[in-house]
Amino acid sequence: MPHAFDALILGSGAAGLTAALKLAEHGRVAVVTKRERMDGNTRWAQGGISVVVDSEDSFAAHIKDTIIAGDGLNDREAVRICVEEGPARLQELLDIGVHFTTDPEDATKLDLTREGGHSARRVVHAKDTTGRSIAEALVATATAHPNITFFEFHHAIDLITRRRLGDRRAEDRCLGAYVLDEKTRKIEVFRSKVVVLATGGAGKVYRYTSNPDVATGDGIAMAYRAGCAVANMEFFQFHPTCLYHPAAKNFLITEACRGEGGILRRLDGHAFMVDYDERKDLAPRDIVARAIDSELKRTGDPHVLLDMTHLDPDFIRGHFPGVSAELLTFGIDMTTTPIPVVPAAHYCCGGVVTDHHGRTGLSGLLAAGEVTHTGLHGANRLASNSLLEAVVFGHRASVVATALLSEADDVADRSLATTSVPEWDTGFAVDPDENVLVAHAWEEIRSLMWNYVGIVRSNKRLERARSRLALLEHEIREDYWNFRLTRDLIELRNIAQVAQLIVECALQRRESRGLHYTIDYPKRDDVHWLRDSIVQRGSRG
């Protein structure tokens, strides 16, 4: 039997659960998450959430910093919305029990830190584990809500739309999703009046990433296949400081370390950021990542160093207990030893195109969080604006979704309830006989993306990536339809799709701006390219 809910949320991070909690006041909500409900990018966010709460700060300053970091490509209305609605969303997090760090001299005030690109202290944090604190509070509140049902270890495969079902008599509309139950290996139908896409990012498309294993771009790929526009995928942010250690998989060293006085040095001790930007170690992430990349290529060193040893040890341990404890497991005492770091894929600034209320181009489908392109980030995300975007647009999407629930109940839209959705047809699919083929394809995609579509690009590299990805896509398509679906095969299909979208957007943009730097067009071009790079199914060249 199909599952039937008023609202279907795909993803259990900050954006998805913000929407879920508000929609649960108006109907029954399913939250589908492909691992456990706490698994996602939100829990790994270390730095904080940027919100104007200090009387010496201002909305205007936060807006200006966001647009400077975004290299002028931001949607200014999206920026204004996020900045001005931030305090209200922060209060809601406080109301559900998020324990943000307070000022050591005045417990009635929140402690504020500063990160690269910010002109003031406006990053609200819970020590250096802000994401985990937010995720725990949201998950606990959602788990306790009687109208919310979690489906863990359920992997969304594709959106169900009228067009997919062959119904072209009316406007296309999202009706739900086909979902793999990993434990039973059955593919289930989830019907709903409204779907909110909150599946997070796509860092696993690159070999080196700060993202957890779940970040495979599933929502972006599903929405693209359903006909939604995708924009600005070329702007993939590489976090400058990921731990370089053979035993470390994807451990991020928060930007707040530099915000509190950390200095980037070459292995010979030279503090090199002074050679690249007047803001030195507080420059935005794109500048810092390119500077590190340049130094590594020039010197041949395997990593650079983030030095905090000149700071008070008690201050370091008090402000960064999570980072400090984790580094000690690798034998590194950050109070006495500089931290070896390298850049790693961190945040997707592009995604599914939405309006300022989370609406996509497909009726019945909303989106919020990293899966989207709202225009907030422009060509580069300002530090700690990601959690802000998640809660602001998670809230805004819930407002529209609530209205859609009423619309779906209206007599004029009874066709939504009567449209027949068939069960998933496995055909003659068999179990994969050589899982090594999936593993090899996965590694090949991630390696070619790192080598050809990384921090510095060229037309030659991008064209080579495009041709190799096309061959891989053909092979993956054959495996997808011939074999019974597994999580690995679904994710492989999605990262291949996302990789192609990144390459296509990068080839469109004939300039260097923000996170997209190409040696063929090294200058920014506001005359021709102060616009988004948009790709939609059937529109690619």
Protein backbone atom coordinates (compact mmCIF):
# COMPACT_ATOMS: atom_id res chain seq x y z
CA MET A 1 0.00 0.00 0.00
CA PRO A 2 1.26 3.50 -0.82
CA HIS A 3 2.06 5.87 2.01
CA ALA A 4 -0.23 8.91 2.03
CA PHE A 5 0.64 12.12 3.86
CA ASP A 6 -0.33 15.76 3.66
CA ALA A 7 3.32 16.78 3.33
CA LEU A 8 6.46 14.87 2.40
CA ILE A 9 9.80 16.27 3.54
CA LEU A 10 12.87 14.80 1.85
CA GLY A 11 15.75 15.39 4.26
CA SER A 12 16.09 15.80 8.01
CA GLY A 13 18.46 18.75 8.33
CA ALA A 14 17.74 22.27 9.56
CA ALA A 15 15.74 23.31 6.49
CA GLY A 16 13.63 20.17 6.33
CA LEU A 17 12.80 19.97 10.02
CA THR A 18 12.05 23.71 10.25
CA ALA A 19 9.43 23.18 7.53
CA ALA A 20 8.22 19.89 9.02
CA LEU A 21 7.54 21.34 12.47
CA LYS A 22 5.42 24.16 11.06
CA LEU A 23 3.55 21.97 8.56
CA ALA A 24 2.79 19.47 11.31
CA GLU A 25 0.40 22.04 12.78
CA HIS A 26 -1.74 21.68 9.65
CA GLY A 27 -1.53 18.02 8.69
CA ARG A 28 0.35 14.73 8.76
CA VAL A 29 4.00 14.99 7.76
CA ALA A 30 6.45 12.31 6.60
CA VAL A 31 10.18 12.99 6.93
CA VAL A 32 12.18 10.69 4.67
CA THR A 33 15.90 10.48 5.41
CA LYS A 34 18.35 8.07 3.84
CA ARG A 35 20.33 7.39 7.01
CA GLU A 36 19.44 8.11 10.63
CA ARG A 37 17.55 11.32 11.33
CA MET A 38 20.64 13.04 12.78
CA ASP A 39 22.80 12.24 9.75
CA GLY A 40 23.26 15.20 7.45
CA ASN A 41 25.32 18.33 6.88
CA THR A 42 23.57 20.31 9.62
CA ARG A 43 25.06 18.32 12.48
CA TRP A 44 28.59 18.89 11.16
CA ALA A 45 28.33 22.69 10.90
CA GLN A 46 30.90 23.98 13.38
CA GLY A 47 31.09 27.75 13.08
CA GLY A 48 27.61 29.07 13.75
CA ILE A 49 24.67 31.01 12.34
CA SER A 50 25.21 34.61 11.28
CA VAL A 51 22.53 36.90 12.73
CA VAL A 52 22.53 40.61 13.56
CA VAL A 53 21.89 40.82 17.31
CA ASP A 54 24.55 43.29 18.47
CA SER A 55 23.48 46.94 18.77
CA GLU A 56 26.78 47.96 17.15
CA ASP A 57 26.04 45.78 14.11
CA SER A 58 23.38 46.44 11.45
CA PHE A 59 21.31 44.73 8.79
CA ALA A 60 22.95 47.00 6.22
CA ALA A 61 26.43 45.80 7.21
CA HIS A 62 25.44 42.12 7.04
CA ILE A 63 23.82 42.68 3.64
CA LYS A 64 26.95 44.47 2.39
CA ASP A 65 29.26 41.70 3.63
CA THR A 66 27.09 39.03 1.98
CA ILE A 67 27.13 40.81 -1.37
CA ILE A 68 30.88 41.47 -1.22
CA ALA A 69 31.51 37.79 -0.51
CA GLY A 70 29.09 36.82 -3.30
CA ASP A 71 31.09 38.94 -5.76
CA GLY A 72 28.03 40.99 -6.70
CA LEU A 73 25.97 38.12 -8.12
CA ASN A 74 23.57 37.88 -5.18
CA ASP A 75 19.83 38.34 -5.42
CA ARG A 76 19.62 41.41 -3.20
CA GLU A 77 16.04 40.74 -2.13
CA ALA A 78 16.98 37.21 -1.02
CA VAL A 79 19.87 38.70 0.96
CA ARG A 80 17.61 41.28 2.60
CA ILE A 81 15.02 38.62 3.51
CA CYS A 82 17.57 36.35 5.15
CA VAL A 83 19.32 39.08 7.07
CA GLU A 84 16.17 40.81 8.31
CA GLU A 85 14.28 37.61 9.18
CA GLY A 86 17.30 36.03 10.85
CA PRO A 87 16.61 37.31 14.39
CA ALA A 88 13.07 35.84 14.42
CA ARG A 89 14.30 32.44 13.27
CA LEU A 90 17.11 32.56 15.85
CA GLN A 91 14.54 33.16 18.57
CA GLU A 92 12.60 30.10 17.42
CA LEU A 93 15.74 27.99 17.79
CA LEU A 94 16.21 29.37 21.29
CA ASP A 95 12.57 28.57 22.04
CA ILE A 96 13.00 24.87 21.19
CA GLY A 97 16.03 24.60 23.43
CA VAL A 98 19.16 25.22 21.37
CA HIS A 99 21.85 26.11 23.91
CA PHE A 100 23.92 28.78 22.24
CA THR A 101 27.07 29.97 24.00
CA THR A 102 26.55 33.06 26.11
CA ASP A 103 28.88 35.98 26.74
CA PRO A 104 31.28 35.01 29.56
CA GLU A 105 30.87 38.49 31.06
CA ASP A 106 27.08 38.72 30.69
CA ALA A 107 25.07 35.49 30.59
CA THR A 108 22.00 37.39 29.35
CA LYS A 109 23.75 38.02 26.03
CA LEU A 110 24.82 35.60 23.31
CA ASP A 111 28.53 35.24 22.66
CA LEU A 112 29.37 36.41 19.16
CA THR A 113 32.37 35.36 17.12
CA ARG A 114 33.67 36.61 13.79
CA GLU A 115 34.53 34.69 10.64
CA GLY A 116 36.14 35.50 7.29
CA GLY A 117 34.28 38.12 5.25
CA HIS A 118 32.31 39.52 8.20
CA SER A 119 32.89 43.13 9.22
CA ALA A 120 31.51 42.56 12.72
CA ARG A 121 31.02 39.88 15.33
CA ARG A 122 27.66 38.39 14.39
CA VAL A 123 28.18 34.63 14.38
CA VAL A 124 26.01 33.05 17.08
CA HIS A 125 27.43 29.69 18.09
CA ALA A 126 27.24 26.77 20.47
CA LYS A 127 30.97 26.43 21.18
CA ASP A 128 32.27 24.87 17.94
CA THR A 129 29.45 22.34 17.51
CA THR A 130 26.62 24.68 16.52
CA GLY A 131 25.18 22.42 13.85
CA ARG A 132 24.97 19.47 16.21
CA SER A 133 23.20 21.56 18.85
CA ILE A 134 20.65 22.82 16.31
CA ALA A 135 20.13 19.37 14.82
CA GLU A 136 19.63 17.75 18.23
CA ALA A 137 17.00 20.30 19.24
CA LEU A 138 15.12 20.10 15.94
CA VAL A 139 15.21 16.30 15.85
CA ALA A 140 14.04 16.01 19.46
CA THR A 141 11.16 18.43 18.87
CA ALA A 142 10.12 16.77 15.59
CA THR A 143 10.38 13.26 17.05
CA ALA A 144 8.04 14.25 19.87
CA HIS A 145 5.45 15.75 17.52
CA PRO A 146 2.45 13.43 16.99
CA ASN A 147 1.92 14.56 13.39
CA ILE A 148 5.48 13.83 12.22
CA THR A 149 6.61 10.35 11.14
CA PHE A 150 10.28 9.67 10.38
CA PHE A 151 11.27 7.11 7.76
CA GLU A 152 14.95 6.40 8.38
CA PHE A 153 17.11 4.44 5.94
CA HIS A 154 14.67 5.38 3.19
CA HIS A 155 16.30 6.73 0.03
CA ALA A 156 14.26 8.87 -2.38
CA ILE A 157 14.81 7.71 -5.96
CA ASP A 158 12.72 10.05 -8.10
CA LEU A 159 9.88 12.51 -7.79
CA ILE A 160 6.46 11.37 -8.97
CA THR A 161 4.91 13.89 -11.36
CA ARG A 162 1.91 13.94 -13.65
CA ARG A 163 4.22 14.06 -16.68
CA ARG A 164 6.17 11.06 -15.43
CA LEU A 165 2.88 9.15 -15.22
CA GLY A 166 1.98 10.20 -18.78
CA ASP A 167 -0.79 12.61 -17.72
CA ARG A 168 -0.42 15.73 -19.87
CA ARG A 169 -4.03 16.89 -19.60
CA ALA A 170 -3.25 19.43 -16.89
CA GLU A 171 -0.33 21.43 -15.48
CA ASP A 172 2.50 19.20 -14.35
CA ARG A 173 2.54 18.68 -10.60
CA CYS A 174 4.60 16.82 -8.03
CA LEU A 175 2.54 14.04 -6.43
CA GLY A 176 5.17 12.48 -4.14
CA ALA A 177 8.22 10.27 -4.56
CA TYR A 178 9.40 6.73 -5.16
CA VAL A 179 11.50 5.70 -2.17
CA LEU A 180 13.77 2.72 -1.52
CA ASP A 181 13.40 1.12 1.91
CA GLU A 182 16.99 -0.02 2.43
CA LYS A 183 16.10 -2.61 5.06
CA THR A 184 13.40 -4.42 3.07
CA ARG A 185 14.91 -3.48 -0.33
CA LYS A 186 11.40 -2.63 -1.50
CA ILE A 187 10.57 0.50 -3.46
CA GLU A 188 7.63 2.30 -1.92
CA VAL A 189 5.24 4.99 -3.14
CA PHE A 190 4.91 8.11 -0.98
CA ARG A 191 1.89 10.22 -1.98
CA SER A 192 1.51 13.75 -0.68
CA LYS A 193 -0.23 17.02 -1.37
CA VAL A 194 3.05 18.91 -1.16
CA VAL A 195 6.71 17.89 -1.27
CA VAL A 196 9.55 19.88 0.33
CA LEU A 197 12.99 19.09 -1.04
CA ALA A 198 15.59 19.59 1.71
CA THR A 199 18.22 17.01 0.79
CA GLY A 200 21.29 19.19 1.36
CA GLY A 201 24.46 19.43 -0.67
CA ALA A 202 26.67 17.47 -3.02
CA GLY A 203 30.22 17.54 -1.67
CA LYS A 204 30.75 13.84 -2.35
CA VAL A 205 30.96 14.63 -6.06
CA TYR A 206 34.57 15.61 -5.27
CA ARG A 207 37.36 13.34 -4.02
CA TYR A 208 38.20 15.57 -1.05
CA THR A 209 35.29 17.03 0.87
CA SER A 210 34.28 18.16 4.32
CA ASN A 211 30.80 16.73 3.74
CA PRO A 212 29.42 13.51 5.24
CA ASP A 213 28.73 10.52 3.01
CA VAL A 214 25.06 11.46 2.57
CA ALA A 215 25.90 14.61 0.54
CA THR A 216 25.45 13.16 -2.95
CA GLY A 217 23.26 15.82 -4.55
CA ASP A 218 20.16 13.64 -4.62
CA GLY A 219 17.63 16.48 -4.50
CA ILE A 220 19.33 18.51 -7.21
CA ALA A 221 19.47 15.48 -9.51
CA MET A 222 15.85 14.47 -8.83
CA ALA A 223 14.53 17.99 -9.40
CA TYR A 224 16.53 18.34 -12.62
CA ARG A 225 15.15 15.05 -13.92
CA ALA A 226 11.65 16.28 -13.05
CA GLY A 227 12.15 19.35 -15.24
CA CYS A 228 13.13 21.99 -12.68
CA ALA A 229 15.70 24.64 -13.54
CA VAL A 230 19.09 24.38 -11.82
CA ALA A 231 21.43 27.38 -11.55
CA ASN A 232 24.98 28.43 -10.65
CA MET A 233 26.36 24.95 -10.04
CA GLU A 234 29.81 26.20 -11.05
CA PHE A 235 30.03 28.00 -7.71
CA PHE A 236 31.15 25.14 -5.50
CA GLN A 237 32.79 26.40 -2.36
CA PHE A 238 36.02 24.78 -1.23
CA HIS A 239 36.58 25.22 2.47
CA PRO A 240 40.18 26.36 2.94
CA THR A 241 40.93 24.30 6.04
CA CYS A 242 40.17 20.60 6.12
CA LEU A 243 42.48 18.45 8.28
CA TYR A 244 45.28 16.82 6.31
CA HIS A 245 45.93 13.47 7.97
CA PRO A 246 45.99 9.93 6.58
CA ALA A 247 43.46 8.74 9.16
CA ALA A 248 41.06 11.70 8.76
CA LYS A 249 38.23 11.29 6.29
CA ASN A 250 36.52 14.68 6.18
CA PHE A 251 37.25 16.64 9.34
CA LEU A 252 36.70 20.36 8.95
CA ILE A 253 38.63 22.99 10.91
CA THR A 254 36.08 25.74 11.48
CA GLU A 255 36.57 29.16 9.94
CA ALA A 256 36.13 30.62 13.42
CA CYS A 257 39.69 29.49 14.15
CA ARG A 258 40.93 32.12 11.72
CA GLY A 259 38.27 34.52 12.98
CA GLU A 260 39.79 34.27 16.45
CA GLY A 261 43.36 34.86 15.31
CA GLY A 262 44.56 31.69 13.56
CA ILE A 263 47.28 32.29 10.95
CA LEU A 264 47.87 30.30 7.75
CA ARG A 265 51.54 29.51 7.15
CA ARG A 266 53.62 27.63 4.63
CA LEU A 267 55.70 24.77 5.96
CA ASP A 268 58.65 27.20 6.08
CA GLY A 269 56.67 29.37 8.53
CA HIS A 270 55.79 32.25 6.16
CA ALA A 271 52.32 33.74 6.82
CA PHE A 272 51.35 33.87 3.15
CA MET A 273 47.86 35.41 3.17
CA VAL A 274 49.41 38.90 3.37
CA ASP A 275 50.66 38.22 -0.18
CA TYR A 276 47.12 37.67 -1.52
CA ASP A 277 44.64 39.98 0.21
CA GLU A 278 44.70 42.98 2.53
CA ARG A 279 42.29 41.15 4.87
CA LYS A 280 44.90 38.42 5.19
CA ASP A 281 43.51 35.41 7.07
CA LEU A 282 40.05 36.99 7.30
CA ALA A 283 39.56 37.13 3.54
CA PRO A 284 36.50 35.26 2.15
CA ARG A 285 36.80 31.53 1.58
CA ASP A 286 37.22 31.63 -2.20
CA ILE A 287 40.27 33.88 -1.91
CA VAL A 288 41.80 31.84 0.90
CA ALA A 289 41.19 28.51 -0.87
CA ARG A 290 42.81 29.78 -4.10
CA ALA A 291 45.73 31.18 -2.13
CA ILE A 292 46.36 27.80 -0.48
CA ASP A 293 45.95 26.02 -3.81
CA SER A 294 48.46 28.40 -5.38
CA GLU A 295 50.98 27.90 -2.57
CA LEU A 296 50.70 24.11 -2.73
CA LYS A 297 51.19 24.07 -6.50
CA ARG A 298 54.12 26.48 -6.31
CA THR A 299 55.97 24.77 -3.44
CA GLY A 300 54.93 21.16 -4.02
CA ASP A 301 54.11 20.86 -0.32
CA PRO A 302 51.28 18.47 0.54
CA HIS A 303 49.58 20.93 2.92
CA VAL A 304 49.85 24.27 4.69
CA LEU A 305 49.56 25.00 8.42
CA LEU A 306 46.89 26.71 10.46
CA ASP A 307 48.79 28.12 13.43
CA MET A 308 47.01 28.97 16.69
CA THR A 309 49.92 28.30 19.01
CA HIS A 310 50.40 32.03 19.71
CA LEU A 311 46.95 32.16 21.39
CA ASP A 312 46.20 31.38 25.03
CA PRO A 313 45.74 27.60 25.44
CA ASP A 314 42.76 28.01 27.78
CA PHE A 315 41.10 30.33 25.26
CA ILE A 316 41.59 27.74 22.48
CA ARG A 317 40.25 24.86 24.53
CA GLY A 318 37.32 26.96 25.77
CA HIS A 319 36.27 28.26 22.35
CA PHE A 320 37.04 25.13 20.29
CA PRO A 321 36.48 22.10 22.53
CA GLY A 322 35.13 19.94 19.70
CA VAL A 323 37.97 20.71 17.29
CA SER A 324 40.57 20.39 20.04
CA ALA A 325 39.26 17.02 21.23
CA GLU A 326 38.99 15.62 17.70
CA LEU A 327 42.51 16.74 16.80
CA LEU A 328 43.87 15.04 19.92
CA THR A 329 42.53 11.72 18.56
CA PHE A 330 44.94 12.26 15.65
CA GLY A 331 47.81 13.14 17.97
CA ILE A 332 47.64 16.90 17.32
CA ASP A 333 47.50 19.37 20.22
CA MET A 334 46.36 22.59 18.55
CA THR A 335 47.61 24.67 21.50
CA THR A 336 51.22 23.64 20.81
CA THR A 337 51.25 22.32 17.23
CA PRO A 338 50.13 24.02 13.98
CA ILE A 339 47.33 22.09 12.23
CA PRO A 340 48.05 20.61 8.76
CA VAL A 341 45.23 21.68 6.42
CA VAL A 342 44.19 21.57 2.75
CA PRO A 343 41.12 22.88 0.88
CA ALA A 344 38.18 20.51 0.34
CA ALA A 345 34.80 20.72 -1.39
CA HIS A 346 32.44 22.16 1.18
CA TYR A 347 29.29 23.89 0.00
CA CYS A 348 27.20 24.03 -3.17
CA CYS A 349 26.18 27.65 -3.75
CA GLY A 350 23.98 26.70 -6.71
CA GLY A 351 21.05 24.33 -6.88
CA VAL A 352 17.37 24.06 -7.69
CA VAL A 353 15.99 27.46 -8.67
CA THR A 354 13.39 28.75 -6.22
CA ASP A 355 11.62 32.02 -5.64
CA HIS A 356 11.73 33.89 -2.33
CA HIS A 357 9.18 31.49 -0.84
CA GLY A 358 10.81 28.19 -1.77
CA ARG A 359 8.66 27.55 -4.84
CA THR A 360 10.32 25.61 -7.66
CA GLY A 361 9.16 25.56 -11.26
CA LEU A 362 7.15 22.40 -10.54
CA SER A 363 3.77 22.89 -8.88
CA GLY A 364 3.53 21.13 -5.53
CA LEU A 365 7.32 21.01 -5.10
CA LEU A 366 9.08 23.38 -2.73
CA ALA A 367 12.75 23.41 -1.74
CA ALA A 368 14.86 24.87 1.05
CA GLY A 369 18.47 24.80 2.24
CA GLU A 370 21.63 23.86 0.40
CA VAL A 371 19.72 22.00 -2.31
CA THR A 372 18.45 25.36 -3.60
CA HIS A 373 19.59 28.38 -5.53
CA THR A 374 17.81 31.24 -3.77
CA GLY A 375 20.29 33.89 -4.85
CA LEU A 376 21.45 34.51 -1.28
CA HIS A 377 25.04 33.40 -1.79
CA GLY A 378 25.77 34.76 -5.24
CA ALA A 379 29.17 33.54 -6.44
CA ASN A 380 30.43 32.63 -2.96
CA ARG A 381 28.78 31.96 0.39
CA LEU A 382 29.63 34.21 3.32
CA ALA A 383 30.64 32.12 6.32
CA SER A 384 27.76 30.94 8.54
CA ASN A 385 25.05 32.14 6.16
CA SER A 386 24.13 28.53 5.37
CA LEU A 387 22.30 27.72 8.62
CA LEU A 388 20.65 31.13 8.33
CA GLU A 389 19.37 30.31 4.84
CA ALA A 390 18.16 26.89 5.98
CA VAL A 391 15.93 28.16 8.78
CA VAL A 392 14.72 31.30 6.98
CA PHE A 393 13.70 29.51 3.79
CA GLY A 394 12.58 26.39 5.64
CA HIS A 395 10.11 28.70 7.40
CA ARG A 396 9.12 30.50 4.19
CA ALA A 397 8.58 27.22 2.34
CA SER A 398 6.31 26.02 5.15
CA VAL A 399 4.09 29.09 4.75
CA VAL A 400 3.55 28.38 1.05
CA ALA A 401 3.21 24.64 1.69
CA THR A 402 0.45 25.31 4.23
CA ALA A 403 -1.44 27.24 1.58
CA LEU A 404 -0.91 24.38 -0.90
CA LEU A 405 -2.46 21.95 1.58
CA SER A 406 -5.65 23.98 1.53
CA GLU A 407 -5.49 24.25 -2.25
CA ALA A 408 -5.12 20.47 -2.59
CA ASP A 409 -8.23 19.97 -0.46
CA ASP A 410 -10.26 22.27 -2.67
CA VAL A 411 -12.93 20.73 -4.92
CA ALA A 412 -11.26 22.28 -7.96
CA ASP A 413 -8.14 20.17 -7.38
CA ARG A 414 -9.63 16.77 -6.62
CA SER A 415 -7.72 15.39 -9.59
CA LEU A 416 -4.63 15.37 -7.35
CA ALA A 417 -6.26 12.75 -5.14
CA THR A 418 -7.65 10.71 -8.01
CA THR A 419 -4.48 10.51 -10.15
CA SER A 420 -3.38 6.88 -10.12
CA VAL A 421 0.25 6.24 -9.15
CA PRO A 422 1.52 2.78 -10.13
CA GLU A 423 3.90 0.75 -8.04
CA TRP A 424 7.56 0.80 -9.07
CA ASP A 425 8.16 -1.67 -11.88
CA THR A 426 11.41 -3.61 -11.38
CA GLY A 427 10.97 -5.34 -14.73
CA PHE A 428 13.66 -7.97 -15.24
CA ALA A 429 16.23 -6.29 -13.01
CA VAL A 430 18.59 -8.60 -11.15
CA ASP A 431 20.98 -8.11 -8.25
CA PRO A 432 24.27 -6.44 -9.26
CA ASP A 433 26.84 -9.12 -10.05
CA GLU A 434 29.91 -6.90 -9.81
CA ASN A 435 29.69 -4.16 -7.18
CA VAL A 436 33.26 -3.23 -8.03
CA LEU A 437 31.95 -1.54 -11.21
CA VAL A 438 29.87 0.85 -9.11
CA ALA A 439 32.85 1.58 -6.85
CA HIS A 440 35.15 2.23 -9.81
CA ALA A 441 32.66 4.58 -11.50
CA TRP A 442 32.18 6.45 -8.23
CA GLU A 443 35.92 6.95 -7.78
CA GLU A 444 36.42 7.94 -11.41
CA ILE A 445 33.78 10.68 -11.20
CA ARG A 446 35.15 12.09 -7.96
CA SER A 447 38.74 12.03 -9.24
CA LEU A 448 38.02 13.72 -12.56
CA MET A 449 35.93 16.37 -10.82
CA TRP A 450 38.80 17.10 -8.44
CA ASN A 451 41.41 17.17 -11.20
CA TYR A 452 39.45 18.98 -13.95
CA VAL A 453 36.66 20.93 -12.21
CA GLY A 454 38.35 21.99 -8.98
CA ILE A 455 39.51 25.30 -7.53
CA VAL A 456 41.20 26.44 -10.78
CA ARG A 457 39.66 25.50 -14.15
CA SER A 458 40.18 25.81 -17.90
CA ASN A 459 38.05 25.13 -20.96
CA LYS A 460 40.28 22.19 -21.87
CA ARG A 461 39.82 20.57 -18.46
CA LEU A 462 36.07 21.20 -18.48
CA GLU A 463 35.62 19.76 -21.96
CA ARG A 464 37.61 16.68 -20.97
CA ALA A 465 35.44 16.25 -17.89
CA ARG A 466 32.29 16.65 -20.00
CA SER A 467 33.27 13.94 -22.48
CA ARG A 468 34.32 11.45 -19.79
CA LEU A 469 31.17 12.08 -17.76
CA ALA A 470 29.03 11.44 -20.84
CA LEU A 471 30.61 8.00 -21.26
CA LEU A 472 30.18 7.21 -17.58
CA GLU A 473 26.56 8.33 -17.64
CA HIS A 474 25.82 5.87 -20.45
CA GLU A 475 27.34 3.01 -18.45
CA ILE A 476 25.56 4.05 -15.27
CA ARG A 477 22.22 4.26 -17.11
CA GLU A 478 22.60 0.67 -18.26
CA ASP A 479 23.38 -0.54 -14.74
CA TYR A 480 20.53 1.53 -13.30
CA TRP A 481 17.89 -0.20 -15.42
CA ASN A 482 19.44 -3.66 -15.44
CA PHE A 483 20.08 -4.10 -11.73
CA ARG A 484 17.90 -3.94 -8.64
CA LEU A 485 18.42 -0.59 -7.01
CA THR A 486 20.74 -0.13 -4.05
CA ARG A 487 21.76 3.02 -2.22
CA ASP A 488 25.15 2.96 -3.94
CA LEU A 489 23.61 2.76 -7.40
CA ILE A 490 21.09 5.54 -6.69
CA GLU A 491 23.81 7.79 -5.31
CA LEU A 492 26.13 7.02 -8.22
CA ARG A 493 23.43 8.04 -10.69
CA ASN A 494 22.91 11.27 -8.78
CA ILE A 495 26.54 12.32 -8.41
CA ALA A 496 27.04 11.66 -12.14
CA GLN A 497 24.08 13.95 -12.85
CA VAL A 498 25.32 16.65 -10.50
CA ALA A 499 28.85 16.45 -11.91
CA GLN A 500 27.47 17.10 -15.40
CA LEU A 501 25.44 20.06 -14.15
CA ILE A 502 28.53 21.59 -12.53
CA VAL A 503 30.50 21.20 -15.76
CA GLU A 504 27.70 22.61 -17.94
CA CYS A 505 27.30 25.68 -15.75
CA ALA A 506 31.08 26.18 -15.62
CA LEU A 507 31.32 26.03 -19.41
CA GLN A 508 28.57 28.62 -19.72
CA ARG A 509 30.32 31.22 -17.55
CA ARG A 510 33.06 32.92 -19.55
CA GLU A 511 34.54 34.94 -16.74
CA SER A 512 36.11 34.42 -13.33
CA ARG A 513 33.88 35.36 -10.44
CA GLY A 514 33.76 34.22 -6.84
CA LEU A 515 34.28 30.49 -6.58
CA HIS A 516 34.56 29.99 -10.34
CA TYR A 517 38.09 30.76 -11.52
CA THR A 518 39.17 29.86 -15.04
CA ILE A 519 42.53 30.59 -16.59
CA ASP A 520 40.84 31.16 -19.98
CA TYR A 521 38.74 34.07 -18.65
CA PRO A 522 40.66 35.36 -15.60
CA LYS A 523 38.72 38.65 -15.26
CA ARG A 524 35.27 39.38 -13.89
CA ASP A 525 32.87 40.61 -16.61
CA ASP A 526 29.90 42.56 -15.27
CA VAL A 527 28.81 43.60 -18.77
CA HIS A 528 27.97 40.11 -20.00
CA TRP A 529 27.97 37.82 -16.95
CA LEU A 530 26.22 39.58 -14.11
CA ARG A 531 23.59 36.85 -14.38
CA ASP A 532 22.93 33.28 -13.36
CA SER A 533 24.05 30.18 -15.26
CA ILE A 534 20.85 28.18 -15.74
CA VAL A 535 20.48 24.61 -16.96
CA GLN A 536 17.18 22.82 -17.51
CA ARG A 537 16.44 19.39 -18.88
CA GLY A 538 16.40 19.53 -22.68
CA SER A 539 18.24 22.88 -22.77
CA ARG A 540 21.83 21.65 -22.59
CA GLY A 541 23.99 22.04 -25.63
